[in-house]
N, C-alpha and C. Protein backbone atom coordinates (compact mmCIF):
# COMPACT_ATOMS: atom_id res chain seq x y z
N MET A 1 2.91 10.07 -4.45
CA MET A 1 3.02 8.72 -3.96
C MET A 1 4.42 8.22 -4.29
N ALA A 2 5.14 7.76 -3.32
CA ALA A 2 6.48 7.22 -3.54
C ALA A 2 6.38 5.77 -4.00
N LEU A 3 7.03 5.47 -5.11
CA LEU A 3 6.99 4.12 -5.65
C LEU A 3 8.05 3.25 -4.99
N THR A 4 7.71 2.01 -4.69
CA THR A 4 8.65 1.08 -4.07
C THR A 4 9.25 0.10 -5.06
N SER A 5 8.73 0.04 -6.28
CA SER A 5 9.28 -0.85 -7.30
C SER A 5 10.68 -0.38 -7.67
N PRO A 6 11.54 -1.32 -8.11
CA PRO A 6 12.92 -0.95 -8.43
C PRO A 6 13.00 -0.04 -9.66
N GLU A 7 14.05 0.78 -9.68
CA GLU A 7 14.25 1.67 -10.82
C GLU A 7 14.75 0.88 -12.03
N VAL A 8 14.73 1.53 -13.17
CA VAL A 8 15.21 0.92 -14.40
C VAL A 8 16.74 0.83 -14.36
N THR A 9 17.26 -0.36 -14.63
CA THR A 9 18.70 -0.58 -14.76
C THR A 9 18.94 -1.40 -16.01
N GLU A 10 20.21 -1.65 -16.32
CA GLU A 10 20.50 -2.47 -17.50
C GLU A 10 19.97 -3.89 -17.36
N LEU A 11 19.78 -4.36 -16.14
CA LEU A 11 19.26 -5.71 -15.90
C LEU A 11 17.74 -5.75 -15.85
N THR A 12 17.10 -4.60 -15.63
CA THR A 12 15.64 -4.58 -15.49
C THR A 12 14.96 -3.70 -16.53
N VAL A 13 15.64 -3.44 -17.64
CA VAL A 13 15.10 -2.51 -18.63
C VAL A 13 13.77 -2.98 -19.21
N LEU A 14 13.53 -4.28 -19.23
CA LEU A 14 12.26 -4.80 -19.75
C LEU A 14 11.21 -4.99 -18.65
N SER A 15 11.64 -5.37 -17.46
CA SER A 15 10.68 -5.67 -16.39
C SER A 15 10.33 -4.45 -15.52
N ALA A 16 11.28 -3.58 -15.25
CA ALA A 16 11.03 -2.45 -14.34
C ALA A 16 9.93 -1.51 -14.82
N PRO A 17 9.88 -1.14 -16.11
CA PRO A 17 8.77 -0.25 -16.51
C PRO A 17 7.39 -0.84 -16.22
N LYS A 18 7.24 -2.14 -16.39
CA LYS A 18 5.94 -2.77 -16.11
C LYS A 18 5.63 -2.74 -14.62
N LEU A 19 6.62 -3.05 -13.80
CA LEU A 19 6.40 -3.01 -12.35
C LEU A 19 6.07 -1.60 -11.88
N LEU A 20 6.81 -0.62 -12.41
CA LEU A 20 6.56 0.76 -12.03
C LEU A 20 5.17 1.23 -12.45
N LEU A 21 4.81 0.92 -13.69
CA LEU A 21 3.49 1.33 -14.18
C LEU A 21 2.36 0.63 -13.42
N HIS A 22 2.56 -0.64 -13.09
CA HIS A 22 1.53 -1.35 -12.32
C HIS A 22 1.31 -0.69 -10.97
N GLU A 23 2.39 -0.43 -10.25
CA GLU A 23 2.27 0.19 -8.93
C GLU A 23 1.67 1.60 -9.04
N TRP A 24 2.11 2.36 -10.03
CA TRP A 24 1.64 3.73 -10.20
C TRP A 24 0.17 3.76 -10.59
N LEU A 25 -0.23 2.92 -11.54
CA LEU A 25 -1.64 2.89 -11.98
C LEU A 25 -2.57 2.42 -10.88
N THR A 26 -2.18 1.39 -10.11
CA THR A 26 -3.05 0.92 -9.04
C THR A 26 -3.18 1.96 -7.92
N GLY A 27 -2.19 2.81 -7.77
CA GLY A 27 -2.28 3.90 -6.79
C GLY A 27 -3.29 4.96 -7.20
N TRP A 28 -3.47 5.16 -8.49
CA TRP A 28 -4.43 6.14 -8.98
C TRP A 28 -5.81 5.55 -9.19
N PHE A 29 -5.89 4.41 -9.87
CA PHE A 29 -7.18 3.82 -10.24
C PHE A 29 -7.63 2.82 -9.18
N ASP A 30 -7.95 3.37 -8.00
CA ASP A 30 -8.29 2.57 -6.83
C ASP A 30 -9.72 2.79 -6.34
N GLY A 31 -10.54 3.48 -7.13
CA GLY A 31 -11.92 3.75 -6.73
C GLY A 31 -12.05 4.88 -5.74
N GLU A 32 -11.00 5.68 -5.57
CA GLU A 32 -10.99 6.78 -4.60
C GLU A 32 -10.91 8.13 -5.30
N GLU A 33 -11.15 9.19 -4.52
CA GLU A 33 -11.00 10.56 -5.01
C GLU A 33 -9.51 10.91 -5.03
N HIS A 34 -9.08 11.60 -6.09
CA HIS A 34 -7.70 12.08 -6.20
C HIS A 34 -7.70 13.46 -6.83
N ALA A 35 -6.75 14.28 -6.41
CA ALA A 35 -6.51 15.58 -7.05
C ALA A 35 -5.19 15.47 -7.81
N VAL A 36 -5.16 15.97 -9.03
CA VAL A 36 -3.97 15.88 -9.87
C VAL A 36 -3.32 17.25 -9.94
N GLY A 37 -2.07 17.31 -9.51
CA GLY A 37 -1.28 18.54 -9.63
C GLY A 37 -1.38 19.45 -8.44
N GLU A 38 -0.48 20.44 -8.41
CA GLU A 38 -0.43 21.46 -7.37
C GLU A 38 -0.41 22.81 -8.04
N PRO A 39 -1.41 23.63 -8.02
CA PRO A 39 -2.74 23.34 -7.51
C PRO A 39 -3.46 22.33 -8.41
N ALA A 40 -4.48 21.73 -7.88
CA ALA A 40 -5.18 20.65 -8.59
C ALA A 40 -5.76 21.15 -9.91
N THR A 41 -5.36 20.50 -11.00
CA THR A 41 -5.90 20.82 -12.32
C THR A 41 -7.06 19.89 -12.65
N VAL A 42 -7.03 18.68 -12.09
CA VAL A 42 -8.10 17.70 -12.27
C VAL A 42 -8.32 17.05 -10.93
N SER A 43 -9.56 16.88 -10.56
CA SER A 43 -9.86 16.13 -9.34
C SER A 43 -11.14 15.36 -9.58
N GLY A 44 -11.27 14.27 -8.86
CA GLY A 44 -12.48 13.49 -9.00
C GLY A 44 -12.27 12.05 -8.61
N LEU A 45 -13.32 11.28 -8.81
CA LEU A 45 -13.30 9.87 -8.48
C LEU A 45 -12.65 9.09 -9.61
N PHE A 46 -11.58 8.40 -9.28
CA PHE A 46 -10.92 7.54 -10.24
C PHE A 46 -11.56 6.16 -10.12
N PRO A 47 -12.00 5.56 -11.23
CA PRO A 47 -12.65 4.25 -11.13
C PRO A 47 -11.68 3.17 -10.68
N LEU A 48 -12.20 2.15 -10.04
CA LEU A 48 -11.41 0.98 -9.70
C LEU A 48 -11.10 0.25 -11.00
N ALA A 49 -9.82 0.02 -11.28
CA ALA A 49 -9.43 -0.60 -12.54
C ALA A 49 -8.56 -1.83 -12.30
N ALA A 50 -8.78 -2.84 -13.12
CA ALA A 50 -7.89 -4.00 -13.16
C ALA A 50 -6.74 -3.62 -14.09
N ILE A 51 -5.52 -3.81 -13.63
CA ILE A 51 -4.34 -3.47 -14.42
C ILE A 51 -3.74 -4.76 -14.95
N ALA A 52 -3.49 -4.81 -16.25
CA ALA A 52 -2.93 -6.01 -16.88
C ALA A 52 -1.87 -5.58 -17.89
N PHE A 53 -1.05 -6.54 -18.27
CA PHE A 53 0.03 -6.25 -19.20
C PHE A 53 0.05 -7.27 -20.33
N ASP A 54 0.44 -6.79 -21.51
CA ASP A 54 0.62 -7.60 -22.70
C ASP A 54 -0.69 -8.23 -23.16
N GLN A 55 -0.61 -9.38 -23.82
CA GLN A 55 -1.81 -9.96 -24.42
C GLN A 55 -2.55 -10.86 -23.44
N GLY A 56 -3.80 -11.11 -23.76
CA GLY A 56 -4.61 -11.99 -22.93
C GLY A 56 -6.06 -11.59 -23.00
N PRO A 57 -6.94 -12.44 -22.51
CA PRO A 57 -8.37 -12.12 -22.54
C PRO A 57 -8.69 -11.03 -21.54
N ILE A 58 -9.79 -10.34 -21.80
CA ILE A 58 -10.25 -9.30 -20.88
C ILE A 58 -10.59 -9.93 -19.54
N LYS A 59 -10.22 -9.26 -18.45
CA LYS A 59 -10.50 -9.78 -17.11
C LYS A 59 -12.00 -9.83 -16.90
N GLN A 60 -12.48 -10.92 -16.32
CA GLN A 60 -13.91 -11.08 -16.06
C GLN A 60 -14.12 -11.34 -14.58
N PRO A 61 -15.22 -11.01 -13.98
CA PRO A 61 -16.30 -10.24 -14.60
C PRO A 61 -16.05 -8.75 -14.43
N LEU A 62 -16.21 -7.99 -15.48
CA LEU A 62 -16.17 -6.54 -15.35
C LEU A 62 -17.53 -6.00 -14.96
N ASP A 63 -18.60 -6.68 -15.40
CA ASP A 63 -19.95 -6.22 -15.08
C ASP A 63 -20.38 -6.82 -13.74
N THR A 64 -20.51 -5.97 -12.72
CA THR A 64 -20.90 -6.43 -11.38
C THR A 64 -22.35 -6.09 -11.08
N GLY A 65 -23.19 -6.04 -12.11
CA GLY A 65 -24.57 -5.64 -11.92
C GLY A 65 -25.46 -6.69 -11.30
N ALA A 66 -24.97 -7.93 -11.14
CA ALA A 66 -25.79 -8.99 -10.57
C ALA A 66 -26.08 -8.71 -9.10
N VAL A 67 -27.27 -9.08 -8.66
CA VAL A 67 -27.67 -8.87 -7.26
C VAL A 67 -27.41 -10.16 -6.50
N ASP A 68 -26.65 -10.05 -5.42
CA ASP A 68 -26.35 -11.21 -4.57
C ASP A 68 -26.97 -10.99 -3.19
N ALA A 69 -27.21 -12.09 -2.47
CA ALA A 69 -27.71 -11.98 -1.11
C ALA A 69 -26.63 -11.42 -0.19
N VAL A 70 -25.37 -11.67 -0.51
CA VAL A 70 -24.24 -11.17 0.26
C VAL A 70 -23.66 -9.96 -0.47
N GLU A 71 -23.24 -8.97 0.29
CA GLU A 71 -22.65 -7.78 -0.33
C GLU A 71 -21.39 -8.18 -1.09
N PRO A 72 -21.35 -7.98 -2.42
CA PRO A 72 -20.18 -8.39 -3.19
C PRO A 72 -18.99 -7.49 -2.92
N THR A 73 -17.80 -8.04 -3.08
CA THR A 73 -16.61 -7.22 -2.98
C THR A 73 -16.55 -6.36 -4.22
N PRO A 74 -15.99 -5.16 -4.10
CA PRO A 74 -15.95 -4.30 -5.27
C PRO A 74 -15.11 -4.92 -6.38
N GLU A 75 -15.65 -4.94 -7.56
CA GLU A 75 -14.95 -5.48 -8.73
C GLU A 75 -14.65 -4.32 -9.67
N ALA A 76 -13.56 -4.45 -10.36
CA ALA A 76 -13.19 -3.44 -11.34
C ALA A 76 -14.15 -3.51 -12.53
N ARG A 77 -14.66 -2.36 -12.91
CA ARG A 77 -15.51 -2.28 -14.10
C ARG A 77 -14.71 -1.78 -15.28
N VAL A 78 -13.47 -1.42 -15.04
CA VAL A 78 -12.57 -0.91 -16.08
C VAL A 78 -11.31 -1.76 -16.04
N GLU A 79 -10.77 -2.02 -17.22
CA GLU A 79 -9.46 -2.68 -17.31
C GLU A 79 -8.53 -1.76 -18.08
N ILE A 80 -7.32 -1.58 -17.57
CA ILE A 80 -6.27 -0.87 -18.29
C ILE A 80 -5.19 -1.90 -18.58
N ARG A 81 -5.05 -2.22 -19.86
CA ARG A 81 -4.04 -3.19 -20.30
C ARG A 81 -2.91 -2.41 -20.95
N VAL A 82 -1.69 -2.71 -20.54
CA VAL A 82 -0.51 -1.96 -20.97
C VAL A 82 0.37 -2.85 -21.84
N THR A 83 0.77 -2.32 -22.99
CA THR A 83 1.78 -2.97 -23.82
C THR A 83 2.89 -1.95 -24.05
N ILE A 84 4.12 -2.45 -24.08
CA ILE A 84 5.28 -1.56 -24.24
C ILE A 84 6.12 -2.07 -25.40
N MET A 85 6.43 -1.17 -26.32
CA MET A 85 7.32 -1.48 -27.44
C MET A 85 8.59 -0.64 -27.27
N THR A 86 9.74 -1.27 -27.42
CA THR A 86 11.00 -0.58 -27.21
C THR A 86 11.68 -0.27 -28.54
N GLY A 87 12.50 0.77 -28.52
CA GLY A 87 13.29 1.17 -29.68
C GLY A 87 14.77 0.98 -29.38
N PRO A 88 15.63 1.43 -30.31
CA PRO A 88 17.08 1.24 -30.13
C PRO A 88 17.65 2.14 -29.04
N ASP A 89 18.62 1.60 -28.31
CA ASP A 89 19.31 2.35 -27.25
C ASP A 89 20.28 3.36 -27.86
N THR A 90 20.45 4.47 -27.16
CA THR A 90 21.55 5.38 -27.44
C THR A 90 22.36 5.51 -26.16
N VAL A 91 23.68 5.64 -26.30
CA VAL A 91 24.56 5.68 -25.14
C VAL A 91 25.38 6.97 -25.20
N ARG A 92 25.43 7.66 -24.05
CA ARG A 92 26.25 8.86 -23.92
C ARG A 92 27.24 8.66 -22.79
N ASN A 93 28.53 8.84 -23.08
CA ASN A 93 29.57 8.70 -22.06
C ASN A 93 29.70 10.00 -21.30
N ASP A 94 29.82 9.87 -19.97
CA ASP A 94 29.93 11.05 -19.13
C ASP A 94 30.72 10.70 -17.87
N ALA A 95 31.97 11.12 -17.81
CA ALA A 95 32.84 10.95 -16.62
C ALA A 95 32.90 9.50 -16.14
N GLY A 96 33.17 8.59 -17.04
CA GLY A 96 33.34 7.19 -16.65
C GLY A 96 32.06 6.39 -16.55
N ALA A 97 30.93 7.02 -16.69
CA ALA A 97 29.64 6.32 -16.66
C ALA A 97 28.95 6.54 -18.00
N GLN A 98 27.98 5.71 -18.27
CA GLN A 98 27.22 5.83 -19.51
C GLN A 98 25.75 6.02 -19.20
N LEU A 99 25.16 7.02 -19.87
CA LEU A 99 23.72 7.22 -19.77
C LEU A 99 23.09 6.51 -20.96
N VAL A 100 22.29 5.50 -20.68
CA VAL A 100 21.61 4.75 -21.72
C VAL A 100 20.18 5.26 -21.80
N SER A 101 19.76 5.56 -23.00
CA SER A 101 18.41 6.08 -23.23
C SER A 101 17.78 5.28 -24.36
N ALA A 102 16.55 4.85 -24.16
CA ALA A 102 15.85 4.09 -25.20
C ALA A 102 14.43 4.61 -25.34
N PRO A 103 14.02 4.91 -26.57
CA PRO A 103 12.62 5.31 -26.76
C PRO A 103 11.70 4.11 -26.60
N ILE A 104 10.55 4.35 -26.01
CA ILE A 104 9.54 3.31 -25.88
C ILE A 104 8.19 3.91 -26.25
N THR A 105 7.28 3.06 -26.62
CA THR A 105 5.89 3.47 -26.83
C THR A 105 5.04 2.63 -25.90
N ILE A 106 4.30 3.30 -25.04
CA ILE A 106 3.41 2.63 -24.10
C ILE A 106 2.00 2.76 -24.63
N ASN A 107 1.35 1.65 -24.88
CA ASN A 107 -0.05 1.65 -25.30
C ASN A 107 -0.91 1.26 -24.11
N PHE A 108 -1.83 2.13 -23.76
CA PHE A 108 -2.79 1.86 -22.70
C PHE A 108 -4.12 1.55 -23.36
N TRP A 109 -4.58 0.31 -23.24
CA TRP A 109 -5.87 -0.11 -23.78
C TRP A 109 -6.87 -0.05 -22.63
N ILE A 110 -7.84 0.85 -22.71
CA ILE A 110 -8.79 1.09 -21.63
C ILE A 110 -10.13 0.50 -22.03
N ARG A 111 -10.62 -0.44 -21.23
CA ARG A 111 -11.86 -1.14 -21.56
C ARG A 111 -12.85 -1.03 -20.39
N SER A 112 -14.11 -0.99 -20.75
CA SER A 112 -15.17 -1.02 -19.76
C SER A 112 -16.31 -1.85 -20.33
N LYS A 113 -16.93 -2.64 -19.47
CA LYS A 113 -18.04 -3.46 -19.94
C LYS A 113 -19.20 -3.30 -18.98
N HIS A 114 -20.26 -2.73 -19.47
CA HIS A 114 -21.51 -2.57 -18.74
C HIS A 114 -22.61 -3.23 -19.56
N ARG A 115 -23.76 -3.33 -18.97
CA ARG A 115 -24.89 -3.87 -19.73
C ARG A 115 -25.39 -2.89 -20.77
N SER A 116 -25.17 -1.61 -20.55
CA SER A 116 -25.61 -0.64 -21.55
C SER A 116 -24.40 -0.01 -22.22
N ALA A 117 -24.44 0.06 -23.53
CA ALA A 117 -23.31 0.59 -24.30
C ALA A 117 -22.96 2.03 -23.92
N PRO A 118 -23.93 2.94 -23.69
CA PRO A 118 -23.55 4.30 -23.32
C PRO A 118 -22.76 4.37 -22.01
N ASP A 119 -23.16 3.55 -21.00
CA ASP A 119 -22.41 3.52 -19.74
C ASP A 119 -21.00 3.01 -19.96
N SER A 120 -20.88 1.97 -20.77
CA SER A 120 -19.58 1.38 -21.05
C SER A 120 -18.66 2.39 -21.72
N ARG A 121 -19.18 3.04 -22.73
CA ARG A 121 -18.37 4.02 -23.46
C ARG A 121 -18.00 5.20 -22.58
N GLY A 122 -18.95 5.69 -21.79
CA GLY A 122 -18.69 6.83 -20.91
C GLY A 122 -17.64 6.53 -19.86
N GLU A 123 -17.72 5.35 -19.25
CA GLU A 123 -16.75 5.02 -18.21
C GLU A 123 -15.36 4.79 -18.79
N ALA A 124 -15.27 4.15 -19.95
CA ALA A 124 -13.96 3.95 -20.58
C ALA A 124 -13.36 5.29 -21.00
N GLN A 125 -14.18 6.17 -21.51
CA GLN A 125 -13.68 7.49 -21.91
C GLN A 125 -13.22 8.30 -20.70
N GLN A 126 -13.99 8.22 -19.60
CA GLN A 126 -13.60 8.94 -18.39
C GLN A 126 -12.26 8.41 -17.87
N ALA A 127 -12.09 7.09 -17.84
CA ALA A 127 -10.83 6.51 -17.37
C ALA A 127 -9.68 6.93 -18.29
N GLY A 128 -9.91 6.96 -19.59
CA GLY A 128 -8.87 7.39 -20.53
C GLY A 128 -8.50 8.85 -20.34
N ASP A 129 -9.49 9.70 -20.11
CA ASP A 129 -9.22 11.12 -19.90
C ASP A 129 -8.47 11.35 -18.59
N LEU A 130 -8.84 10.62 -17.55
CA LEU A 130 -8.11 10.73 -16.27
C LEU A 130 -6.68 10.22 -16.41
N LEU A 131 -6.50 9.13 -17.13
CA LEU A 131 -5.16 8.60 -17.36
C LEU A 131 -4.30 9.61 -18.10
N ARG A 132 -4.85 10.23 -19.13
CA ARG A 132 -4.10 11.25 -19.86
C ARG A 132 -3.75 12.42 -18.94
N ALA A 133 -4.67 12.81 -18.07
CA ALA A 133 -4.41 13.93 -17.15
C ALA A 133 -3.24 13.63 -16.22
N ILE A 134 -3.18 12.43 -15.67
CA ILE A 134 -2.08 12.13 -14.74
C ILE A 134 -0.77 11.88 -15.49
N LEU A 135 -0.84 11.40 -16.73
CA LEU A 135 0.38 11.24 -17.52
C LEU A 135 0.93 12.57 -18.00
N THR A 136 0.06 13.56 -18.17
CA THR A 136 0.47 14.87 -18.66
C THR A 136 1.01 15.74 -17.53
N ASN A 137 0.50 15.57 -16.33
CA ASN A 137 0.86 16.43 -15.21
C ASN A 137 2.24 16.07 -14.64
N PRO A 138 3.19 17.02 -14.64
CA PRO A 138 4.54 16.72 -14.14
C PRO A 138 4.58 16.25 -12.69
N ALA A 139 3.71 16.79 -11.84
CA ALA A 139 3.73 16.40 -10.43
C ALA A 139 3.28 14.95 -10.24
N SER A 140 2.29 14.51 -11.00
CA SER A 140 1.78 13.16 -10.81
C SER A 140 2.68 12.09 -11.41
N ARG A 141 3.51 12.46 -12.37
CA ARG A 141 4.40 11.47 -13.00
C ARG A 141 5.85 11.58 -12.53
N LEU A 142 6.12 12.44 -11.55
CA LEU A 142 7.48 12.64 -11.05
C LEU A 142 8.10 11.35 -10.54
N ASP A 143 7.34 10.55 -9.79
CA ASP A 143 7.90 9.31 -9.25
C ASP A 143 8.32 8.34 -10.35
N LEU A 144 7.61 8.33 -11.46
CA LEU A 144 8.02 7.50 -12.60
C LEU A 144 9.35 8.01 -13.17
N ALA A 145 9.47 9.33 -13.30
CA ALA A 145 10.69 9.92 -13.86
C ALA A 145 11.90 9.64 -12.97
N LEU A 146 11.70 9.70 -11.66
CA LEU A 146 12.82 9.43 -10.74
C LEU A 146 13.31 7.99 -10.82
N LYS A 147 12.46 7.09 -11.29
CA LYS A 147 12.83 5.67 -11.41
C LYS A 147 13.29 5.31 -12.83
N GLY A 148 13.33 6.29 -13.76
CA GLY A 148 13.86 6.04 -15.09
C GLY A 148 12.86 6.00 -16.22
N LEU A 149 11.58 6.20 -15.94
CA LEU A 149 10.54 6.22 -16.97
C LEU A 149 10.18 7.69 -17.21
N GLN A 150 10.73 8.25 -18.32
CA GLN A 150 10.72 9.70 -18.48
C GLN A 150 10.15 10.14 -19.82
N HIS A 151 9.99 11.46 -19.95
CA HIS A 151 9.57 12.11 -21.20
C HIS A 151 8.25 11.54 -21.72
N LEU A 152 7.29 11.36 -20.82
CA LEU A 152 5.97 10.84 -21.21
C LEU A 152 5.22 11.89 -22.02
N GLN A 153 4.71 11.50 -23.18
CA GLN A 153 3.99 12.41 -24.06
C GLN A 153 2.68 11.77 -24.51
N PRO A 154 1.70 11.67 -23.60
CA PRO A 154 0.45 10.97 -23.95
C PRO A 154 -0.36 11.69 -25.01
N ARG A 155 -0.94 10.92 -25.88
CA ARG A 155 -1.86 11.43 -26.90
C ARG A 155 -3.29 11.38 -26.34
N THR A 156 -4.21 11.97 -27.03
CA THR A 156 -5.62 11.92 -26.64
C THR A 156 -6.15 10.50 -26.86
N PRO A 157 -6.86 9.92 -25.89
CA PRO A 157 -7.42 8.58 -26.10
C PRO A 157 -8.37 8.55 -27.29
N SER A 158 -8.29 7.49 -28.07
CA SER A 158 -9.18 7.37 -29.23
C SER A 158 -9.99 6.09 -29.12
N LEU A 159 -11.25 6.18 -29.53
CA LEU A 159 -12.15 5.04 -29.50
C LEU A 159 -11.71 4.04 -30.55
N VAL A 160 -11.48 2.80 -30.12
CA VAL A 160 -11.02 1.75 -31.03
C VAL A 160 -12.18 0.83 -31.39
N SER A 161 -13.00 0.47 -30.40
CA SER A 161 -14.08 -0.48 -30.64
C SER A 161 -15.23 -0.15 -29.72
N ALA A 162 -16.43 -0.42 -30.20
CA ALA A 162 -17.60 -0.18 -29.36
C ALA A 162 -18.65 -1.26 -29.59
N THR A 163 -18.23 -2.50 -29.87
CA THR A 163 -19.20 -3.55 -30.15
C THR A 163 -19.65 -4.21 -28.85
N GLU A 164 -18.86 -5.11 -28.31
CA GLU A 164 -19.23 -5.81 -27.09
C GLU A 164 -18.92 -4.98 -25.85
N TYR A 165 -17.86 -4.22 -25.90
CA TYR A 165 -17.48 -3.33 -24.80
C TYR A 165 -16.72 -2.16 -25.40
N ALA A 166 -16.72 -1.04 -24.69
CA ALA A 166 -16.00 0.13 -25.17
C ALA A 166 -14.52 -0.03 -24.91
N MET A 167 -13.71 0.35 -25.89
CA MET A 167 -12.26 0.27 -25.73
C MET A 167 -11.64 1.53 -26.33
N TYR A 168 -10.80 2.17 -25.53
CA TYR A 168 -10.06 3.33 -25.98
C TYR A 168 -8.58 2.99 -25.95
N LEU A 169 -7.82 3.60 -26.85
CA LEU A 169 -6.37 3.43 -26.90
C LEU A 169 -5.73 4.77 -26.63
N LEU A 170 -4.85 4.79 -25.63
CA LEU A 170 -4.05 5.98 -25.34
C LEU A 170 -2.61 5.60 -25.64
N VAL A 171 -2.02 6.24 -26.64
CA VAL A 171 -0.63 5.99 -27.02
C VAL A 171 0.24 7.02 -26.32
N CYS A 172 1.35 6.55 -25.74
CA CYS A 172 2.21 7.44 -24.96
C CYS A 172 3.68 7.17 -25.29
N PRO A 173 4.27 7.94 -26.22
CA PRO A 173 5.72 7.82 -26.42
C PRO A 173 6.45 8.27 -25.15
N ALA A 174 7.56 7.62 -24.85
CA ALA A 174 8.33 7.94 -23.64
C ALA A 174 9.77 7.48 -23.84
N LYS A 175 10.57 7.59 -22.80
CA LYS A 175 11.95 7.08 -22.80
C LYS A 175 12.23 6.40 -21.47
N VAL A 176 13.04 5.35 -21.55
CA VAL A 176 13.63 4.81 -20.33
C VAL A 176 15.09 5.25 -20.32
N GLU A 177 15.55 5.70 -19.17
CA GLU A 177 16.93 6.14 -19.03
C GLU A 177 17.52 5.56 -17.76
N TYR A 178 18.78 5.14 -17.86
CA TYR A 178 19.47 4.61 -16.70
C TYR A 178 20.98 4.77 -16.92
N TRP A 179 21.72 4.75 -15.81
CA TRP A 179 23.17 4.90 -15.83
C TRP A 179 23.83 3.53 -15.66
N THR A 180 24.94 3.33 -16.39
CA THR A 180 25.77 2.15 -16.20
C THR A 180 27.21 2.61 -15.97
N THR A 181 28.00 1.73 -15.39
CA THR A 181 29.41 2.08 -15.17
C THR A 181 30.33 1.17 -15.95
């Protein structure tokens, strides 16, 4: 999938990664079947997910189990909330231009809320495992790399909470890189 969001530059180093990740995640977590990689290493139905950034309350309603007289529009039963922490820049001079590289840590908080705890936990874990698969696969993350979001190293999702809703945390160290003149 070709991304249309702008690449990372010195003016968009804070905003571009969020725009890129939003576009990329919504392309995958759209409630459709997707195959990951060439040849496909993972394939299956990706749940419809609400994508959010930084702090805030969980998007509601995640539980669409209510019966209506009118066919309801599909609602996301999973939320992927992204937070990004940046590290210090390093600069390398090369033929009159500078390559700026900064380490970042991307935290993906994956939540699901169902009426039954096992369904909630299972769906959140499935979304976390699929997210790790697409972050690990070079073919599926190529468009992010071409726009300056590179060296993604996702960890295994870990269960953080299972009280009111299941929540998994997937930590992904990465780098943003861009050229300046």
